[in-house]
Structures are given as C-alpha cells and as structure tokens.
Amino acid sequence: MRIERRQTPRSRVHGGASVVFNGRQSVLDCTLRNWSDTGALVRMSDWIALPKTFEIDIANRDESVRVRQCWRRGDDVGVAFLTPGECQPVAPISLDAMRKRRQLG
C-alpha cells in the first residue's frame, strides 16, 4: 500500500506540455497526468536526464510554470511548483553531466 504524501489533492488531466531548461534551448515533449495547487505528475515521452529545476510550458494555455523535480520513476516525474522566492536562475546542465546521469539512471 502506498503512503500518500501529497499536500493537496490532485486532479487527473491529460494534456500536452513541454519541459524547458538550459536557457530555453532544451525543449522536450511531455504529458501532464495530474495537477494540484502544489505540484503535478509529468510523463516524459522518452527517458532523459533532467535538471533539478526546470519550466513546464502548458500547451493549451499560454502559461509556463517553474518546478522542482521531487522524484522520478522511469518516464514519470513528480514535480512541485516553485514559489517566486524559490525561482533562481539555473545553470545550464552540461552534455557530459546529462550522459553521466543517464548512465546512473
């Protein structure tokens, strides 16, 4: 049995989005699976190393949210929304670091 650790209830959604990082130079397609006031579940179309913080551009809304990766299981990524005070510029992730993370995956 799973222990529920969410702070707020989530609603099921199924919508297109993009994960954006590296100064908006890296853009990956994803699907939003559920959403709450504090976070979301994102399903990646392919396994790729992600930075700890990144943006999610929501396809059907002209909206972008800054998030922190909380956990990852395969292609599923649990994220928490960052408050404006937590949003700091993120250094681009190097190609070598991405390769190393993928090998450790």
PDB file of N, CA and C in Angstrom:
ATOM      1  N   MET A   1       0.833  -1.179   0.000  1.00  0.00           N
ATOM      2  CA  MET A   1       0.000   0.000   0.000  1.00  0.00           C
ATOM      3  C   MET A   1       0.880   1.245   0.000  1.00  0.00           C
ATOM      4  N   ARG A   2       0.530   2.202  -0.846  1.00  0.00           N
ATOM      5  CA  ARG A   2       1.287   3.435  -0.964  1.00  0.00           C
ATOM      6  C   ARG A   2       0.886   4.437   0.108  1.00  0.00           C
ATOM      7  N   ILE A   3       1.860   5.147   0.632  1.00  0.00           N
ATOM      8  CA  ILE A   3       1.593   6.212   1.589  1.00  0.00           C
ATOM      9  C   ILE A   3       1.402   7.506   0.810  1.00  0.00           C
ATOM     10  N   GLU A   4       0.300   8.183   1.047  1.00  0.00           N
ATOM     11  CA  GLU A   4       0.001   9.441   0.362  1.00  0.00           C
ATOM     12  C   GLU A   4       0.776  10.576   1.026  1.00  0.00           C
ATOM     13  N   ARG A   5       1.652  11.230   0.261  1.00  0.00           N
ATOM     14  CA  ARG A   5       2.457  12.313   0.812  1.00  0.00           C
ATOM     15  C   ARG A   5       2.113  13.665   0.202  1.00  0.00           C
ATOM     16  N   ARG A   6       1.148  13.722  -0.654  1.00  0.00           N
ATOM     17  CA  ARG A   6       0.782  14.983  -1.288  1.00  0.00           C
ATOM     18  C   ARG A   6       0.180  15.937  -0.270  1.00  0.00           C
ATOM     19  N   GLN A   7       0.476  17.214  -0.453  1.00  0.00           N
ATOM     20  CA  GLN A   7      -0.060  18.230   0.448  1.00  0.00           C
ATOM     21  C   GLN A   7      -1.488  18.604   0.081  1.00  0.00           C
ATOM     22  N   THR A   8      -1.819  18.512  -1.194  1.00  0.00           N
ATOM     23  CA  THR A   8      -3.168  18.852  -1.661  1.00  0.00           C
ATOM     24  C   THR A   8      -3.629  17.784  -2.648  1.00  0.00           C
ATOM     25  N   PRO A   9      -4.943  17.568  -2.773  1.00  0.00           N
ATOM     26  CA  PRO A   9      -5.447  16.566  -3.720  1.00  0.00           C
ATOM     27  C   PRO A   9      -5.116  16.952  -5.164  1.00  0.00           C
ATOM     28  N   ARG A  10      -4.891  15.944  -5.975  1.00  0.00           N
ATOM     29  CA  ARG A  10      -4.607  16.183  -7.392  1.00  0.00           C
ATOM     30  C   ARG A  10      -5.784  15.770  -8.245  1.00  0.00           C
ATOM     31  N   SER A  11      -5.942  16.474  -9.356  1.00  0.00           N
ATOM     32  CA  SER A  11      -6.979  16.158 -10.338  1.00  0.00           C
ATOM     33  C   SER A  11      -6.319  15.521 -11.549  1.00  0.00           C
ATOM     34  N   ARG A  12      -6.974  14.506 -12.093  1.00  0.00           N
ATOM     35  CA  ARG A  12      -6.450  13.871 -13.307  1.00  0.00           C
ATOM     36  C   ARG A  12      -6.594  14.829 -14.484  1.00  0.00           C
ATOM     37  N   VAL A  13      -5.550  14.898 -15.270  1.00  0.00           N
ATOM     38  CA  VAL A  13      -5.573  15.666 -16.512  1.00  0.00           C
ATOM     39  C   VAL A  13      -4.843  14.831 -17.553  1.00  0.00           C
ATOM     40  N   HIS A  14      -5.014  15.165 -18.778  1.00  0.00           N
ATOM     41  CA  HIS A  14      -4.257  14.521 -19.848  1.00  0.00           C
ATOM     42  C   HIS A  14      -4.040  15.591 -20.901  1.00  0.00           C
ATOM     43  N   GLY A  15      -2.936  16.303 -20.756  1.00  0.00           N
ATOM     44  CA  GLY A  15      -2.694  17.413 -21.663  1.00  0.00           C
ATOM     45  C   GLY A  15      -1.249  17.481 -22.093  1.00  0.00           C
ATOM     46  N   GLY A  16      -1.054  18.030 -23.263  1.00  0.00           N
ATOM     47  CA  GLY A  16       0.288  18.188 -23.798  1.00  0.00           C
ATOM     48  C   GLY A  16       1.015  19.344 -23.140  1.00  0.00           C
ATOM     49  N   ALA A  17       2.315  19.179 -23.007  1.00  0.00           N
ATOM     50  CA  ALA A  17       3.149  20.220 -22.418  1.00  0.00           C
ATOM     51  C   ALA A  17       4.582  20.010 -22.897  1.00  0.00           C
ATOM     52  N   SER A  18       5.446  20.909 -22.483  1.00  0.00           N
ATOM     53  CA  SER A  18       6.869  20.796 -22.802  1.00  0.00           C
ATOM     54  C   SER A  18       7.687  21.081 -21.560  1.00  0.00           C
ATOM     55  N   VAL A  19       8.732  20.298 -21.359  1.00  0.00           N
ATOM     56  CA  VAL A  19       9.719  20.560 -20.315  1.00  0.00           C
ATOM     57  C   VAL A  19      10.799  21.420 -20.958  1.00  0.00           C
ATOM     58  N   VAL A  20      11.130  22.529 -20.301  1.00  0.00           N
ATOM     59  CA  VAL A  20      12.058  23.504 -20.883  1.00  0.00           C
ATOM     60  C   VAL A  20      13.181  23.790 -19.884  1.00  0.00           C
ATOM     61  N   PHE A  21      14.438  23.731 -20.349  1.00  0.00           N
ATOM     62  CA  PHE A  21      15.583  24.055 -19.495  1.00  0.00           C
ATOM     63  C   PHE A  21      16.750  24.480 -20.362  1.00  0.00           C
ATOM     64  N   ASN A  22      17.914  24.702 -19.761  1.00  0.00           N
ATOM     65  CA  ASN A  22      19.114  25.184 -20.471  1.00  0.00           C
ATOM     66  C   ASN A  22      18.851  26.511 -21.169  1.00  0.00           C
ATOM     67  N   GLY A  23      18.266  27.456 -20.429  1.00  0.00           N
ATOM     68  CA  GLY A  23      18.007  28.768 -21.021  1.00  0.00           C
ATOM     69  C   GLY A  23      17.043  28.706 -22.183  1.00  0.00           C
ATOM     70  N   ARG A  24      16.080  27.777 -22.103  1.00  0.00           N
ATOM     71  CA  ARG A  24      15.052  27.546 -23.118  1.00  0.00           C
ATOM     72  C   ARG A  24      15.634  26.969 -24.419  1.00  0.00           C
ATOM     73  N   GLN A  25      16.853  26.431 -24.357  1.00  0.00           N
ATOM     74  CA  GLN A  25      17.439  25.804 -25.539  1.00  0.00           C
ATOM     75  C   GLN A  25      17.128  24.315 -25.609  1.00  0.00           C
ATOM     76  N   SER A  26      16.715  23.719 -24.489  1.00  0.00           N
ATOM     77  CA  SER A  26      16.311  22.311 -24.462  1.00  0.00           C
ATOM     78  C   SER A  26      14.815  22.252 -24.203  1.00  0.00           C
ATOM     79  N   VAL A  27      14.079  21.688 -25.151  1.00  0.00           N
ATOM     80  CA  VAL A  27      12.619  21.589 -25.057  1.00  0.00           C
ATOM     81  C   VAL A  27      12.228  20.150 -25.365  1.00  0.00           C
ATOM     82  N   LEU A  28      11.533  19.503 -24.407  1.00  0.00           N
ATOM     83  CA  LEU A  28      11.142  18.102 -24.556  1.00  0.00           C
ATOM     84  C   LEU A  28       9.637  17.968 -24.395  1.00  0.00           C
ATOM     85  N   ASP A  29       9.008  17.206 -25.274  1.00  0.00           N
ATOM     86  CA  ASP A  29       7.571  16.964 -25.160  1.00  0.00           C
ATOM     87  C   ASP A  29       7.278  16.093 -23.946  1.00  0.00           C
ATOM     88  N   CYS A  30       6.143  16.362 -23.313  1.00  0.00           N
ATOM     89  CA  CYS A  30       5.700  15.556 -22.180  1.00  0.00           C
ATOM     90  C   CYS A  30       4.179  15.624 -22.106  1.00  0.00           C
ATOM     91  N   THR A  31       3.608  14.831 -21.205  1.00  0.00           N
ATOM     92  CA  THR A  31       2.163  14.825 -20.970  1.00  0.00           C
ATOM     93  C   THR A  31       1.917  15.079 -19.494  1.00  0.00           C
ATOM     94  N   LEU A  32       1.008  15.992 -19.187  1.00  0.00           N
ATOM     95  CA  LEU A  32       0.594  16.212 -17.802  1.00  0.00           C
ATOM     96  C   LEU A  32      -0.414  15.140 -17.453  1.00  0.00           C
ATOM     97  N   ARG A  33      -0.171  14.388 -16.387  1.00  0.00           N
ATOM     98  CA  ARG A  33      -1.066  13.295 -15.985  1.00  0.00           C
ATOM     99  C   ARG A  33      -1.987  13.694 -14.841  1.00  0.00           C
ATOM    100  N   ASN A  34      -1.473  14.496 -13.891  1.00  0.00           N
ATOM    101  CA  ASN A  34      -2.335  15.049 -12.853  1.00  0.00           C
ATOM    102  C   ASN A  34      -1.754  16.365 -12.371  1.00  0.00           C
ATOM    103  N   TRP A  35      -2.583  17.136 -11.643  1.00  0.00           N
ATOM    104  CA  TRP A  35      -2.260  18.523 -11.326  1.00  0.00           C
ATOM    105  C   TRP A  35      -2.900  18.894 -10.001  1.00  0.00           C
ATOM    106  N   SER A  36      -2.208  19.681  -9.194  1.00  0.00           N
ATOM    107  CA  SER A  36      -2.791  20.196  -7.948  1.00  0.00           C
ATOM    108  C   SER A  36      -2.324  21.632  -7.750  1.00  0.00           C
ATOM    109  N   ASP A  37      -2.648  22.197  -6.604  1.00  0.00           N
ATOM    110  CA  ASP A  37      -2.195  23.550  -6.291  1.00  0.00           C
ATOM    111  C   ASP A  37      -0.693  23.598  -6.032  1.00  0.00           C
ATOM    112  N   THR A  38      -0.095  22.465  -5.687  1.00  0.00           N
ATOM    113  CA  THR A  38       1.315  22.461  -5.295  1.00  0.00           C
ATOM    114  C   THR A  38       2.244  21.685  -6.216  1.00  0.00           C
ATOM    115  N   GLY A  39       1.698  20.872  -7.132  1.00  0.00           N
ATOM    116  CA  GLY A  39       2.572  20.078  -7.979  1.00  0.00           C
ATOM    117  C   GLY A  39       1.829  19.327  -9.060  1.00  0.00           C
ATOM    118  N   ALA A  40       2.573  18.476  -9.776  1.00  0.00           N
ATOM    119  CA  ALA A  40       1.996  17.745 -10.903  1.00  0.00           C
ATOM    120  C   ALA A  40       2.783  16.462 -11.151  1.00  0.00           C
ATOM    121  N   LEU A  41       2.167  15.589 -11.933  1.00  0.00           N
ATOM    122  CA  LEU A  41       2.840  14.393 -12.434  1.00  0.00           C
ATOM    123  C   LEU A  41       3.011  14.581 -13.929  1.00  0.00           C
ATOM    124  N   VAL A  42       4.249  14.477 -14.372  1.00  0.00           N
ATOM    125  CA  VAL A  42       4.600  14.673 -15.774  1.00  0.00           C
ATOM    126  C   VAL A  42       5.101  13.348 -16.320  1.00  0.00           C
ATOM    127  N   ARG A  43       4.617  12.952 -17.480  1.00  0.00           N
ATOM    128  CA  ARG A  43       5.120  11.744 -18.141  1.00  0.00           C
ATOM    129  C   ARG A  43       5.941  12.177 -19.352  1.00  0.00           C
ATOM    130  N   MET A  44       7.205  11.798 -19.330  1.00  0.00           N
ATOM    131  CA  MET A  44       8.106  12.129 -20.433  1.00  0.00           C
ATOM    132  C   MET A  44       7.884  11.140 -21.572  1.00  0.00           C
ATOM    133  N   SER A  45       8.093  11.599 -22.808  1.00  0.00           N
ATOM    134  CA  SER A  45       7.930  10.711 -23.954  1.00  0.00           C
ATOM    135  C   SER A  45       9.145   9.799 -24.117  1.00  0.00           C
ATOM    136  N   ASP A  46      10.253  10.149 -23.465  1.00  0.00           N
ATOM    137  CA  ASP A  46      11.466   9.344 -23.525  1.00  0.00           C
ATOM    138  C   ASP A  46      12.274   9.624 -22.265  1.00  0.00           C
ATOM    139  N   TRP A  47      13.061   8.653 -21.812  1.00  0.00           N
ATOM    140  CA  TRP A  47      13.879   8.883 -20.618  1.00  0.00           C
ATOM    141  C   TRP A  47      15.034   9.780 -20.988  1.00  0.00           C
ATOM    142  N   ILE A  48      15.173  10.870 -20.273  1.00  0.00           N
ATOM    143  CA  ILE A  48      16.305  11.780 -20.445  1.00  0.00           C
ATOM    144  C   ILE A  48      16.587  12.419 -19.095  1.00  0.00           C
ATOM    145  N   ALA A  49      17.852  12.681 -18.831  1.00  0.00           N
ATOM    146  CA  ALA A  49      18.219  13.341 -17.578  1.00  0.00           C
ATOM    147  C   ALA A  49      17.650  14.752 -17.566  1.00  0.00           C
ATOM    148  N   LEU A  50      17.095  15.138 -16.433  1.00  0.00           N
ATOM    149  CA  LEU A  50      16.537  16.475 -16.266  1.00  0.00           C
ATOM    150  C   LEU A  50      17.259  17.182 -15.131  1.00  0.00           C
ATOM    151  N   PRO A  51      17.359  18.515 -15.208  1.00  0.00           N
ATOM    152  CA  PRO A  51      17.922  19.248 -14.073  1.00  0.00           C
ATOM    153  C   PRO A  51      16.962  19.210 -12.884  1.00  0.00           C
ATOM    154  N   LYS A  52      17.427  19.628 -11.723  1.00  0.00           N
ATOM    155  CA  LYS A  52      16.575  19.625 -10.531  1.00  0.00           C
ATOM    156  C   LYS A  52      15.412  20.597 -10.664  1.00  0.00           C
ATOM    157  N   THR A  53      15.640  21.735 -11.305  1.00  0.00           N
ATOM    158  CA  THR A  53      14.560  22.693 -11.548  1.00  0.00           C
ATOM    159  C   THR A  53      14.478  22.976 -13.038  1.00  0.00           C
ATOM    160  N   PHE A  54      13.259  23.194 -13.511  1.00  0.00           N
ATOM    161  CA  PHE A  54      13.027  23.485 -14.923  1.00  0.00           C
ATOM    162  C   PHE A  54      11.657  24.129 -15.068  1.00  0.00           C
ATOM    163  N   GLU A  55      11.260  24.435 -16.285  1.00  0.00           N
ATOM    164  CA  GLU A  55       9.951  25.015 -16.554  1.00  0.00           C
ATOM    165  C   GLU A  55       9.086  24.007 -17.292  1.00  0.00           C
ATOM    166  N   ILE A  56       7.788  24.137 -17.122  1.00  0.00           N
ATOM    167  CA  ILE A  56       6.824  23.373 -17.907  1.00  0.00           C
ATOM    168  C   ILE A  56       5.964  24.375 -18.658  1.00  0.00           C
ATOM    169  N   ASP A  57       5.993  24.310 -19.986  1.00  0.00           N
ATOM    170  CA  ASP A  57       5.111  25.117 -20.831  1.00  0.00           C
ATOM    171  C   ASP A  57       3.869  24.288 -21.108  1.00  0.00           C
ATOM    172  N   ILE A  58       2.709  24.826 -20.773  1.00  0.00           N
ATOM    173  CA  ILE A  58       1.450  24.100 -20.931  1.00  0.00           C
ATOM    174  C   ILE A  58       0.856  24.443 -22.291  1.00  0.00           C
ATOM    175  N   ALA A  59       0.589  23.410 -23.091  1.00  0.00           N
ATOM    176  CA  ALA A  59       0.214  23.586 -24.495  1.00  0.00           C
ATOM    177  C   ALA A  59      -1.084  24.364 -24.701  1.00  0.00           C
ATOM    178  N   ASN A  60      -2.167  24.005 -24.018  1.00  0.00           N
ATOM    179  CA  ASN A  60      -3.451  24.641 -24.312  1.00  0.00           C
ATOM    180  C   ASN A  60      -3.670  25.946 -23.545  1.00  0.00           C
ATOM    181  N   ARG A  61      -2.737  26.326 -22.704  1.00  0.00           N
ATOM    182  CA  ARG A  61      -2.777  27.623 -22.012  1.00  0.00           C
ATOM    183  C   ARG A  61      -1.493  28.352 -22.376  1.00  0.00           C
ATOM    184  N   ASP A  62      -1.551  29.622 -22.437  1.00  0.00           N
ATOM    185  CA  ASP A  62      -0.326  30.388 -22.690  1.00  0.00           C
ATOM    186  C   ASP A  62       0.353  30.608 -21.343  1.00  0.00           C
ATOM    187  N   GLU A  63       0.857  29.516 -20.744  1.00  0.00           N
ATOM    188  CA  GLU A  63       1.366  29.557 -19.379  1.00  0.00           C
ATOM    189  C   GLU A  63       2.614  28.700 -19.242  1.00  0.00           C
ATOM    190  N   SER A  64       3.524  29.180 -18.415  1.00  0.00           N
ATOM    191  CA  SER A  64       4.734  28.439 -18.094  1.00  0.00           C
ATOM    192  C   SER A  64       4.895  28.461 -16.579  1.00  0.00           C
ATOM    193  N   VAL A  65       5.211  27.302 -15.981  1.00  0.00           N
ATOM    194  CA  VAL A  65       5.406  27.226 -14.531  1.00  0.00           C
ATOM    195  C   VAL A  65       6.803  26.695 -14.232  1.00  0.00           C
ATOM    196  N   ARG A  66       7.404  27.234 -13.190  1.00  0.00           N
ATOM    197  CA  ARG A  66       8.730  26.800 -12.747  1.00  0.00           C
ATOM    198  C   ARG A  66       8.529  25.702 -11.708  1.00  0.00           C
ATOM    199  N   VAL A  67       9.266  24.585 -11.844  1.00  0.00           N
ATOM    200  CA  VAL A  67       9.068  23.432 -10.970  1.00  0.00           C
ATOM    201  C   VAL A  67      10.397  22.875 -10.465  1.00  0.00           C
ATOM    202  N   ARG A  68      10.285  22.073  -9.399  1.00  0.00           N
ATOM    203  CA  ARG A  68      11.415  21.330  -8.842  1.00  0.00           C
ATOM    204  C   ARG A  68      11.072  19.850  -8.931  1.00  0.00           C
ATOM    205  N   GLN A  69      12.002  19.064  -9.448  1.00  0.00           N
ATOM    206  CA  GLN A  69      11.801  17.615  -9.537  1.00  0.00           C
ATOM    207  C   GLN A  69      11.873  17.009  -8.135  1.00  0.00           C
ATOM    208  N   CYS A  70      10.828  16.282  -7.723  1.00  0.00           N
ATOM    209  CA  CYS A  70      10.778  15.656  -6.394  1.00  0.00           C
ATOM    210  C   CYS A  70      11.159  14.186  -6.453  1.00  0.00           C
ATOM    211  N   TRP A  71      10.723  13.498  -7.499  1.00  0.00           N
ATOM    212  CA  TRP A  71      11.015  12.079  -7.644  1.00  0.00           C
ATOM    213  C   TRP A  71      10.896  11.706  -9.116  1.00  0.00           C
ATOM    214  N   ARG A  72      11.423  10.539  -9.420  1.00  0.00           N
ATOM    215  CA  ARG A  72      11.320  10.033 -10.792  1.00  0.00           C
ATOM    216  C   ARG A  72      11.262   8.520 -10.758  1.00  0.00           C
ATOM    217  N   ARG A  73      10.326   7.956 -11.535  1.00  0.00           N
ATOM    218  CA  ARG A  73      10.218   6.510 -11.740  1.00  0.00           C
ATOM    219  C   ARG A  73      10.044   6.281 -13.232  1.00  0.00           C
ATOM    220  N   GLY A  74      11.104   5.870 -13.894  1.00  0.00           N
ATOM    221  CA  GLY A  74      11.031   5.662 -15.339  1.00  0.00           C
ATOM    222  C   GLY A  74      10.729   6.965 -16.054  1.00  0.00           C
ATOM    223  N   ASP A  75       9.640   6.960 -16.832  1.00  0.00           N
ATOM    224  CA  ASP A  75       9.254   8.152 -17.588  1.00  0.00           C
ATOM    225  C   ASP A  75       8.392   9.115 -16.781  1.00  0.00           C
ATOM    226  N   ASP A  76       7.970   8.732 -15.580  1.00  0.00           N
ATOM    227  CA  ASP A  76       7.127   9.586 -14.739  1.00  0.00           C
ATOM    228  C   ASP A  76       7.984  10.441 -13.811  1.00  0.00           C
ATOM    229  N   VAL A  77       7.646  11.731 -13.756  1.00  0.00           N
ATOM    230  CA  VAL A  77       8.381  12.685 -12.930  1.00  0.00           C
ATOM    231  C   VAL A  77       7.384  13.451 -12.068  1.00  0.00           C
ATOM    232  N   GLY A  78       7.571  13.395 -10.757  1.00  0.00           N
ATOM    233  CA  GLY A  78       6.751  14.182  -9.837  1.00  0.00           C
ATOM    234  C   GLY A  78       7.429  15.513  -9.594  1.00  0.00           C
ATOM    235  N   VAL A  79       6.689  16.607  -9.759  1.00  0.00           N
ATOM    236  CA  VAL A  79       7.265  17.942  -9.595  1.00  0.00           C
ATOM    237  C   VAL A  79       6.452  18.761  -8.600  1.00  0.00           C
ATOM    238  N   ALA A  80       7.129  19.695  -7.952  1.00  0.00           N
ATOM    239  CA  ALA A  80       6.483  20.666  -7.070  1.00  0.00           C
ATOM    240  C   ALA A  80       6.650  22.040  -7.706  1.00  0.00           C
ATOM    241  N   PHE A  81       5.594  22.849  -7.651  1.00  0.00           N
ATOM    242  CA  PHE A  81       5.673  24.199  -8.192  1.00  0.00           C
ATOM    243  C   PHE A  81       6.525  25.066  -7.272  1.00  0.00           C
ATOM    244  N   LEU A  82       7.392  25.873  -7.863  1.00  0.00           N
ATOM    245  CA  LEU A  82       8.233  26.770  -7.085  1.00  0.00           C
ATOM    246  C   LEU A  82       7.516  28.096  -6.865  1.00  0.00           C
ATOM    247  N   THR A  83       7.706  28.657  -5.695  1.00  0.00           N
ATOM    248  CA  THR A  83       7.169  29.988  -5.419  1.00  0.00           C
ATOM    249  C   THR A  83       8.124  31.012  -6.019  1.00  0.00           C
ATOM    250  N   PRO A  84       7.665  32.242  -6.246  1.00  0.00           N
ATOM    251  CA  PRO A  84       8.567  33.248  -6.832  1.00  0.00           C
ATOM    252  C   PRO A  84       9.878  33.409  -6.061  1.00  0.00           C
ATOM    253  N   GLY A  85       9.857  33.271  -4.740  1.00  0.00           N
ATOM    254  CA  GLY A  85      11.079  33.392  -3.949  1.00  0.00           C
ATOM    255  C   GLY A  85      12.064  32.256  -4.179  1.00  0.00           C
ATOM    256  N   GLU A  86      11.567  31.107  -4.624  1.00  0.00           N
ATOM    257  CA  GLU A  86      12.425  29.944  -4.871  1.00  0.00           C
ATOM    258  C   GLU A  86      12.998  29.932  -6.280  1.00  0.00           C
ATOM    259  N   CYS A  87      12.459  30.757  -7.162  1.00  0.00           N
ATOM    260  CA  CYS A  87      12.879  30.753  -8.563  1.00  0.00           C
ATOM    261  C   CYS A  87      14.175  31.528  -8.719  1.00  0.00           C
ATOM    262  N   GLN A  88      15.232  30.802  -8.930  1.00  0.00           N
ATOM    263  CA  GLN A  88      16.530  31.397  -9.167  1.00  0.00           C
ATOM    264  C   GLN A  88      17.031  30.885 -10.504  1.00  0.00           C
ATOM    265  N   PRO A  89      17.876  31.679 -11.168  1.00  0.00           N
ATOM    266  CA  PRO A  89      18.420  31.202 -12.437  1.00  0.00           C
ATOM    267  C   PRO A  89      19.128  29.864 -12.249  1.00  0.00           C
ATOM    268  N   VAL A  90      18.933  28.985 -13.194  1.00  0.00           N
ATOM    269  CA  VAL A  90      19.533  27.656 -13.131  1.00  0.00           C
ATOM    270  C   VAL A  90      20.655  27.583 -14.148  1.00  0.00           C
ATOM    271  N   ALA A  91      21.819  27.137 -13.699  1.00  0.00           N
ATOM    272  CA  ALA A  91      22.945  26.986 -14.613  1.00  0.00           C
ATOM    273  C   ALA A  91      22.633  25.882 -15.613  1.00  0.00           C
ATOM    274  N   PRO A  92      22.998  26.088 -16.882  1.00  0.00           N
ATOM    275  CA  PRO A  92      22.759  25.032 -17.874  1.00  0.00           C
ATOM    276  C   PRO A  92      23.469  23.745 -17.480  1.00  0.00           C
ATOM    277  N   ILE A  93      22.841  22.631 -17.784  1.00  0.00           N
ATOM    278  CA  ILE A  93      23.436  21.326 -17.498  1.00  0.00           C
ATOM    279  C   ILE A  93      24.325  20.943 -18.687  1.00  0.00           C
ATOM    280  N   SER A  94      25.534  20.487 -18.406  1.00  0.00           N
ATOM    281  CA  SER A  94      26.458  20.146 -19.482  1.00  0.00           C
ATOM    282  C   SER A  94      26.073  18.812 -20.115  1.00  0.00           C
ATOM    283  N   LEU A  95      26.508  18.622 -21.337  1.00  0.00           N
ATOM    284  CA  LEU A  95      26.237  17.377 -22.047  1.00  0.00           C
ATOM    285  C   LEU A  95      26.864  16.194 -21.307  1.00  0.00           C
ATOM    286  N   ASP A  96      28.077  16.382 -20.767  1.00  0.00           N
ATOM    287  CA  ASP A  96      28.730  15.308 -20.007  1.00  0.00           C
ATOM    288  C   ASP A  96      27.923  14.937 -18.769  1.00  0.00           C
ATOM    289  N   ALA A  97      27.392  15.942 -18.071  1.00  0.00           N
ATOM    290  CA  ALA A  97      26.581  15.675 -16.875  1.00  0.00           C
ATOM    291  C   ALA A  97      25.312  14.925 -17.246  1.00  0.00           C
ATOM    292  N   MET A  98      24.689  15.284 -18.373  1.00  0.00           N
ATOM    293  CA  MET A  98      23.479  14.588 -18.822  1.00  0.00           C
ATOM    294  C   MET A  98      23.795  13.128 -19.129  1.00  0.00           C
ATOM    295  N   ARG A  99      24.911  12.870 -19.785  1.00  0.00           N
ATOM    296  CA  ARG A  99      25.298  11.492 -20.106  1.00  0.00           C
ATOM    297  C   ARG A  99      25.552  10.687 -18.835  1.00  0.00           C
ATOM    298  N   LYS A 100      26.231  11.307 -17.866  1.00  0.00           N
ATOM    299  CA  LYS A 100      26.531  10.620 -16.610  1.00  0.00           C
ATOM    300  C   LYS A 100      25.245  10.279 -15.863  1.00  0.00           C
ATOM    301  N   ARG A 101      24.294  11.223 -15.786  1.00  0.00           N
ATOM    302  CA  ARG A 101      23.015  10.965 -15.119  1.00  0.00           C
ATOM    303  C   ARG A 101      22.264   9.832 -15.799  1.00  0.00           C
ATOM    304  N   ARG A 102      22.321   9.814 -17.122  1.00  0.00           N
ATOM    305  CA  ARG A 102      21.610   8.766 -17.859  1.00  0.00           C
ATOM    306  C   ARG A 102      22.199   7.388 -17.552  1.00  0.00           C
ATOM    307  N   GLN A 103      23.529   7.310 -17.436  1.00  0.00           N
ATOM    308  CA  GLN A 103      24.179   6.039 -17.121  1.00  0.00           C
ATOM    309  C   GLN A 103      23.828   5.572 -15.715  1.00  0.00           C
ATOM    310  N   LEU A 104      23.696   6.514 -14.777  1.00  0.00           N
ATOM    311  CA  LEU A 104      23.373   6.168 -13.397  1.00  0.00           C
ATOM    312  C   LEU A 104      21.914   5.783 -13.238  1.00  0.00           C
ATOM    313  N   GLY A 105      21.042   6.378 -14.128  1.00  0.00           N
ATOM    314  CA  GLY A 105      19.607   6.266 -14.106  1.00  0.00           C
ATOM    315  C   GLY A 105      19.038   5.077 -13.525  1.00  0.00           C
TER     316      GLY A 105
END
